[in-house]
Each structure stands twice: as C-alpha cells, then as structure tokens.
C-alpha cells in the first residue's frame, strides 16, 4: 500500500505557484496536493508541468465535486476517471469533503449536511459506494460551515457516526475545527479528543479571516494564525504526526513566506516526535 511520507509537509499544486514549485530545491516540501477535477485530461504546458512535478514528488488528491452528501446519484463515470488518475500517478491518498455541492448541476460551494441519523446513513452508503468504485479507502474532510439545516446531534457525533458506518478515514482540517468551534460554540480540544485516533490519516492547516470575535471565515487566503498552530500541535499529540498540507488558494504571498509556514509545520512535527519518544512514568 502506498503512503505519503511521514513526517511530511505539503503544498497545494496551484497554477499560480507552478513556476515556484518547479524551481523549488529538494526538501522545501515533501508532497503536492491536487484537485483531480482540475487536472484530469489537462495537456499542454500545464500537463507537462504536472508530469514533471509528479516525477519528483508524491501526489495526494483532494476532490471538489463528488458531492458525497448530495441527493443526486454519484457520478460513476467521473469516479472512473478519478480512479484512472489515481492509478496513473500512484496517488496514495484521495480525500473528499463531508458535505455536498451538487443537485442536477454543480452548486460551486461546499454546503453543510444536516446532523441527523438519516444523513449519516445516506452519506455513509455513498462513501462505501465510492470506495467500491475506486477500489480503495476514501478519506473525508471535516468542513467549515456557518449554518446547519438540522442538528439532531453535534458535529462530532455526526462525524464519528459517518466514519464508523462508512468505515472510511478522516482528513482532519485543523483550521476548520477552530473556525467551527468559534462560530458554533464548542471546545476544539474536546472535538479532537472525541475522534478515533486510528481514523486520522492526514491533516490540513490554513489561514482564516476574523470577521469578529464570534465569526471566523475559512478563507485559505491568509497566514495560519497562532491559535491554529497551537491546535495543530494538539492534534499531533492526539493522532500522531500525520502528513500535513498547508492550504493556500489565493492572495498568494512570496514563496519564501509559504516556505516559512512549511518550516513551522516541520518544527511542530519534530517537537511532537521528540515528546512521543520520551518515556513516561
């Protein structure tokens, strides 16, 4: 079974960063994450750049349009294309969002699911179907949300139930945990403590926008804030050092600034490994 390097820090393969990523010396980052929708069938200079980078770095894939929680049937033809892409590039990790984004058409947003037993059964069945078509385990990502259509259970209870019933993995987005904890009034450390450690196979960390003390917006367009770095350290203590992606989707800073954030990930990983190696008792 292929795996991403551990410990490791990665960057998203964004076209605005192609030149910097191709020129980066070995050791700046360990893997690149791509949205398969943006690269399947791409030729020309961008396709050549993808091939060149894939020869140097492992790829992970983070989907945008599978709509795991949606009402429309899963797009099996698209899943077949994704499977071929994953196999072509020997991608060890494919993740998608625990949300939905389409109903007889793409809605161009990641919309929240109701936290109900019915939704648990619905999305878990679709995750199992997707895993069968892909021939591999799928990781789902906890998403940021600003209103929930129905909450018969907490986000933590809903997430735990889906992971168990689908028997899938979790891509833990640490920034989303923090953003949701502020916006919906729960303890982010209690959220981490309530997740099963064996489910977490990778992590995301990103910046957010402070709309107010009680409203945070998951933007992916700002530096990672100290409170999120601290939560990432807690996540490593709880789940072990997992491959971690620095997400940046717009407002791209100089490459050196991104490199400094990658170094922060590495420092937190090294500290966690050192702590875990120290005998207790």
Protein backbone atom coordinates (compact mmCIF):
# COMPACT_ATOMS: atom_id res chain seq x y z
CA UNK A 1 0.00 0.00 0.00
CA UNK A 2 1.38 3.40 -0.99
CA UNK A 3 1.66 6.05 1.70
CA UNK A 4 2.66 9.68 1.87
CA UNK A 5 5.99 10.26 3.60
CA UNK A 6 5.85 10.58 7.38
CA UNK A 7 6.57 13.05 8.77
CA UNK A 8 5.87 15.33 5.84
CA UNK A 9 4.66 18.80 4.88
CA UNK A 10 2.99 19.54 1.57
CA UNK A 11 1.64 22.32 -0.59
CA UNK A 12 -1.34 22.54 -2.90
CA UNK A 13 -0.47 22.41 -6.59
CA UNK A 14 -1.96 25.70 -7.75
CA UNK A 15 -1.32 27.04 -11.23
CA UNK A 16 -0.31 30.41 -9.77
CA UNK A 17 2.53 28.61 -7.97
CA UNK A 18 3.71 26.39 -10.81
CA UNK A 19 6.93 28.28 -11.52
CA UNK A 20 7.97 28.39 -7.87
CA UNK A 21 7.11 24.74 -7.29
CA UNK A 22 9.08 23.58 -10.31
CA UNK A 23 12.11 25.64 -9.28
CA UNK A 24 11.99 24.65 -5.61
CA UNK A 25 15.06 22.80 -4.34
CA UNK A 26 14.60 19.33 -2.83
CA UNK A 27 13.45 19.44 0.77
CA UNK A 28 11.26 22.56 0.60
CA UNK A 29 8.14 20.34 0.65
CA UNK A 30 7.51 16.60 0.61
CA UNK A 31 4.32 16.17 -1.42
CA UNK A 32 1.86 18.12 -3.54
CA UNK A 33 -1.93 18.01 -3.32
CA UNK A 34 -4.07 18.33 -6.44
CA UNK A 35 -7.78 18.54 -7.09
CA UNK A 36 -8.22 15.83 -9.74
CA UNK A 37 -11.08 17.77 -11.35
CA UNK A 38 -8.58 20.49 -12.28
CA UNK A 39 -6.00 18.16 -13.84
CA UNK A 40 -7.77 15.17 -15.42
CA UNK A 41 -7.21 15.38 -19.16
CA UNK A 42 -5.07 18.52 -18.98
CA UNK A 43 -2.38 18.70 -21.67
CA UNK A 44 -0.09 21.41 -22.99
CA UNK A 45 2.30 23.29 -20.70
CA UNK A 46 0.20 22.69 -17.58
CA UNK A 47 0.00 18.97 -18.26
CA UNK A 48 3.76 18.87 -18.82
CA UNK A 49 4.30 20.71 -15.53
CA UNK A 50 2.13 18.18 -13.68
CA UNK A 51 4.08 15.28 -15.17
CA UNK A 52 7.38 16.89 -14.26
CA UNK A 53 6.34 17.54 -10.65
CA UNK A 54 4.79 14.08 -10.27
CA UNK A 55 8.14 12.55 -11.18
CA UNK A 56 9.76 14.42 -8.27
CA UNK A 57 7.08 14.41 -5.58
CA UNK A 58 4.28 12.13 -4.36
CA UNK A 59 0.81 13.47 -5.13
CA UNK A 60 -2.21 13.43 -2.87
CA UNK A 61 -5.66 14.17 -4.27
CA UNK A 62 -8.38 16.26 -2.63
CA UNK A 63 -11.64 16.29 -4.57
CA UNK A 64 -14.04 19.19 -5.02
CA UNK A 65 -17.12 17.88 -6.80
CA UNK A 66 -18.02 14.34 -5.75
CA UNK A 67 -20.85 15.69 -3.56
CA UNK A 68 -20.79 12.79 -1.14
CA UNK A 69 -23.78 14.08 0.80
CA UNK A 70 -25.86 15.22 -2.14
CA UNK A 71 -29.24 13.91 -3.32
CA UNK A 72 -28.24 13.18 -6.94
CA UNK A 73 -26.68 9.79 -7.72
CA UNK A 74 -22.89 9.64 -7.56
CA UNK A 75 -21.24 10.35 -10.91
CA UNK A 76 -19.82 6.90 -11.61
CA UNK A 77 -18.20 7.96 -14.88
CA UNK A 78 -16.34 10.71 -13.05
CA UNK A 79 -15.31 8.27 -10.31
CA UNK A 80 -13.89 6.02 -13.02
CA UNK A 81 -11.83 8.94 -14.33
CA UNK A 82 -10.60 9.68 -10.82
CA UNK A 83 -9.62 6.04 -10.31
CA UNK A 84 -7.60 6.10 -13.54
CA UNK A 85 -5.90 9.34 -12.46
CA UNK A 86 -5.05 7.95 -9.02
CA UNK A 87 -3.62 4.77 -10.53
CA UNK A 88 -1.68 6.62 -13.24
CA UNK A 89 0.09 8.83 -10.71
CA UNK A 90 0.25 6.20 -7.93
CA UNK A 91 -1.62 8.54 -5.57
CA UNK A 92 -1.66 7.16 -2.01
CA UNK A 93 -4.43 9.39 -0.60
CA UNK A 94 -7.72 10.52 -2.09
CA UNK A 95 -9.97 12.67 0.07
CA UNK A 96 -13.27 14.47 -0.36
CA UNK A 97 -15.43 16.80 1.69
CA UNK A 98 -18.05 15.67 4.18
CA UNK A 99 -20.61 17.92 2.50
CA UNK A 100 -22.45 18.27 -0.78
CA UNK A 101 -22.03 20.57 -3.74
CA UNK A 102 -24.46 19.49 -6.42
CA UNK A 103 -28.03 18.54 -7.32
CA UNK A 104 -28.54 18.08 -11.06
CA UNK A 105 -25.73 20.56 -11.52
CA UNK A 106 -22.73 21.91 -9.64
CA UNK A 107 -23.56 24.48 -6.96
CA UNK A 108 -19.98 25.84 -6.64
CA UNK A 109 -19.97 25.70 -2.86
CA UNK A 110 -19.46 23.13 -0.12
CA UNK A 111 -22.82 23.02 1.62
CA UNK A 112 -23.39 21.63 5.13
CA UNK A 113 -25.20 18.39 5.77
CA UNK A 114 -27.91 18.02 8.39
CA UNK A 115 -26.58 16.31 11.51
CA UNK A 116 -29.21 13.57 11.57
CA UNK A 117 -29.31 9.77 11.61
CA UNK A 118 -30.84 9.79 8.14
CA UNK A 119 -27.95 11.88 6.81
CA UNK A 120 -25.44 9.54 8.48
CA UNK A 121 -26.92 6.54 6.67
CA UNK A 122 -27.21 8.44 3.38
CA UNK A 123 -23.65 9.75 3.21
CA UNK A 124 -22.09 6.59 4.65
CA UNK A 125 -23.74 4.47 1.94
CA UNK A 126 -22.42 6.83 -0.74
CA UNK A 127 -18.91 6.75 0.73
CA UNK A 128 -18.98 2.93 0.67
CA UNK A 129 -20.18 3.03 -2.95
CA UNK A 130 -17.40 5.44 -3.89
CA UNK A 131 -14.82 3.23 -2.16
CA UNK A 132 -16.08 0.21 -4.09
CA UNK A 133 -15.77 2.02 -7.43
CA UNK A 134 -12.34 3.46 -6.56
CA UNK A 135 -11.05 0.16 -5.17
CA UNK A 136 -9.53 1.96 -2.18
CA UNK A 137 -10.33 3.66 1.10
CA UNK A 138 -11.54 7.23 0.97
CA UNK A 139 -10.74 9.94 3.50
CA UNK A 140 -13.42 12.53 4.22
CA UNK A 141 -12.62 16.03 5.45
CA UNK A 142 -14.47 17.87 8.19
CA UNK A 143 -15.68 21.10 6.61
CA UNK A 144 -16.32 24.61 7.86
CA UNK A 145 -19.99 25.60 7.95
CA UNK A 146 -21.89 28.68 9.02
CA UNK A 147 -25.45 27.34 9.35
CA UNK A 148 -26.72 23.78 9.66
CA UNK A 149 -30.08 22.69 8.21
CA UNK A 150 -30.85 20.37 11.15
CA UNK A 151 -28.79 19.40 14.20
CA UNK A 152 -30.15 16.34 15.99
CA UNK A 153 -26.56 15.61 17.07
CA UNK A 154 -23.31 17.53 17.33
CA UNK A 155 -20.78 17.82 14.51
CA UNK A 156 -18.51 15.49 16.47
CA UNK A 157 -21.23 12.86 16.91
CA UNK A 158 -22.17 13.13 13.24
CA UNK A 159 -18.57 12.82 12.07
CA UNK A 160 -17.89 9.84 14.32
CA UNK A 161 -21.05 8.08 13.13
CA UNK A 162 -20.23 8.58 9.45
CA UNK A 163 -16.66 7.33 9.86
CA UNK A 164 -17.83 4.21 11.68
CA UNK A 165 -20.72 3.35 9.37
CA UNK A 166 -18.77 4.03 6.16
CA UNK A 167 -15.55 2.52 7.56
CA UNK A 168 -13.52 5.30 5.96
CA UNK A 169 -10.68 7.57 7.03
CA UNK A 170 -10.58 11.19 8.16
CA UNK A 171 -8.61 14.06 6.68
CA UNK A 172 -8.55 16.35 9.72
CA UNK A 173 -8.72 20.02 8.79
CA UNK A 174 -7.40 21.70 11.94
CA UNK A 175 -8.36 25.20 10.82
CA UNK A 176 -11.94 24.06 10.20
CA UNK A 177 -12.10 22.64 13.73
CA UNK A 178 -11.05 26.00 15.13
CA UNK A 179 -13.34 28.06 12.87
CA UNK A 180 -16.35 25.89 13.69
CA UNK A 181 -15.54 25.90 17.40
CA UNK A 182 -15.75 29.70 17.47
CA UNK A 183 -18.74 30.01 15.17
CA UNK A 184 -20.77 27.28 16.88
CA UNK A 185 -19.51 27.49 20.44
CA UNK A 186 -17.75 24.23 21.22
CA UNK A 187 -14.36 23.28 22.66
CA UNK A 188 -11.92 22.42 19.84
CA UNK A 189 -9.80 20.24 22.15
CA UNK A 190 -12.90 18.26 23.14
CA UNK A 191 -13.63 17.78 19.43
CA UNK A 192 -10.15 16.36 18.85
CA UNK A 193 -10.42 14.17 21.95
CA UNK A 194 -13.69 12.70 20.68
CA UNK A 195 -12.29 11.45 17.37
CA UNK A 196 -10.90 7.94 16.97
CA UNK A 197 -7.11 8.23 16.51
CA UNK A 198 -6.91 5.38 14.01
CA UNK A 199 -9.16 7.19 11.54
CA UNK A 200 -6.94 10.25 11.00
CA UNK A 201 -4.59 9.71 8.04
CA UNK A 202 -3.65 13.30 7.10
CA UNK A 203 -4.20 16.90 8.15
CA UNK A 204 -4.82 20.31 6.62
CA UNK A 205 -3.86 23.65 8.10
CA UNK A 206 -4.83 27.03 6.67
CA UNK A 207 -5.48 30.68 7.40
CA UNK A 208 -8.85 32.24 8.11
CA UNK A 209 -10.44 35.68 8.21
CA UNK A 210 -11.53 37.22 11.52
CA UNK A 211 -14.90 38.77 10.77
CA UNK A 212 -15.45 39.29 14.51
CA UNK A 213 -14.70 37.65 17.83
CA UNK A 214 -17.57 35.25 17.23
CA UNK A 215 -17.36 34.79 13.44
CA UNK A 216 -14.39 33.30 11.61
CA UNK A 217 -14.35 32.69 7.85
CA UNK A 218 -12.36 29.77 6.43
CA UNK A 219 -10.66 31.68 3.62
CA UNK A 220 -7.45 29.81 2.64
CA UNK A 221 -6.18 33.26 1.73
CA UNK A 222 -4.22 34.33 4.80
CA UNK A 223 -1.35 33.16 7.00
CA UNK A 224 -2.05 30.45 9.56
CA UNK A 225 -2.86 32.07 12.90
CA UNK A 226 -1.03 31.20 16.14
CA UNK A 227 -4.16 29.68 17.70
CA UNK A 228 -4.40 27.24 14.77
CA UNK A 229 -0.70 26.35 15.02
CA UNK A 230 -1.32 25.56 18.70
CA UNK A 231 -4.29 23.37 17.79
CA UNK A 232 -2.17 21.55 15.19
CA UNK A 233 0.34 20.73 17.94
CA UNK A 234 -2.52 19.31 20.00
CA UNK A 235 -3.69 17.28 17.00
CA UNK A 236 -0.22 15.76 16.62
CA UNK A 237 -0.24 14.86 20.31
CA UNK A 238 -3.62 13.15 19.90
CA UNK A 239 -3.26 11.46 16.49
CA UNK A 240 0.47 11.26 15.91
CA UNK A 241 2.39 13.17 13.27
CA UNK A 242 0.40 12.81 10.06
CA UNK A 243 1.20 14.20 6.57
CA UNK A 244 0.12 17.84 6.75
CA UNK A 245 -0.83 20.16 3.93
CA UNK A 246 -0.52 23.93 4.04
CA UNK A 247 -3.59 25.20 2.15
CA UNK A 248 -3.35 28.49 0.28
CA UNK A 249 -5.79 29.14 -2.57
CA UNK A 250 -5.48 32.88 -3.27
CA UNK A 251 -3.71 36.04 -2.03
CA UNK A 252 -0.50 34.14 -2.62
CA UNK A 253 2.43 35.62 -0.68
CA UNK A 254 6.05 35.38 -1.80
CA UNK A 255 7.19 31.77 -1.94
CA UNK A 256 9.57 32.40 0.96
CA UNK A 257 6.57 33.17 3.18
CA UNK A 258 4.95 29.84 2.31
CA UNK A 259 8.27 28.13 2.94
CA UNK A 260 8.40 29.69 6.42
CA UNK A 261 4.94 28.26 7.20
CA UNK A 262 6.08 24.84 5.97
CA UNK A 263 9.01 25.14 8.35
CA UNK A 264 6.57 25.79 11.20
CA UNK A 265 4.79 22.54 10.32
CA UNK A 266 8.13 20.73 10.38
CA UNK A 267 9.06 22.26 13.74
CA UNK A 268 5.76 21.19 15.30
CA UNK A 269 6.18 17.70 13.86
CA UNK A 270 9.72 17.42 15.22
CA UNK A 271 8.58 18.60 18.65
CA UNK A 272 5.74 16.06 18.67
CA UNK A 273 8.05 13.23 17.66
CA UNK A 274 10.52 14.20 20.40
CA UNK A 275 7.75 14.27 23.03
CA UNK A 276 6.40 10.91 21.91
CA UNK A 277 9.90 9.40 22.14
CA UNK A 278 10.36 10.48 25.77
CA UNK A 279 9.36 7.64 28.13
CA UNK A 280 6.61 8.44 30.64
CA UNK A 281 6.08 7.20 34.14
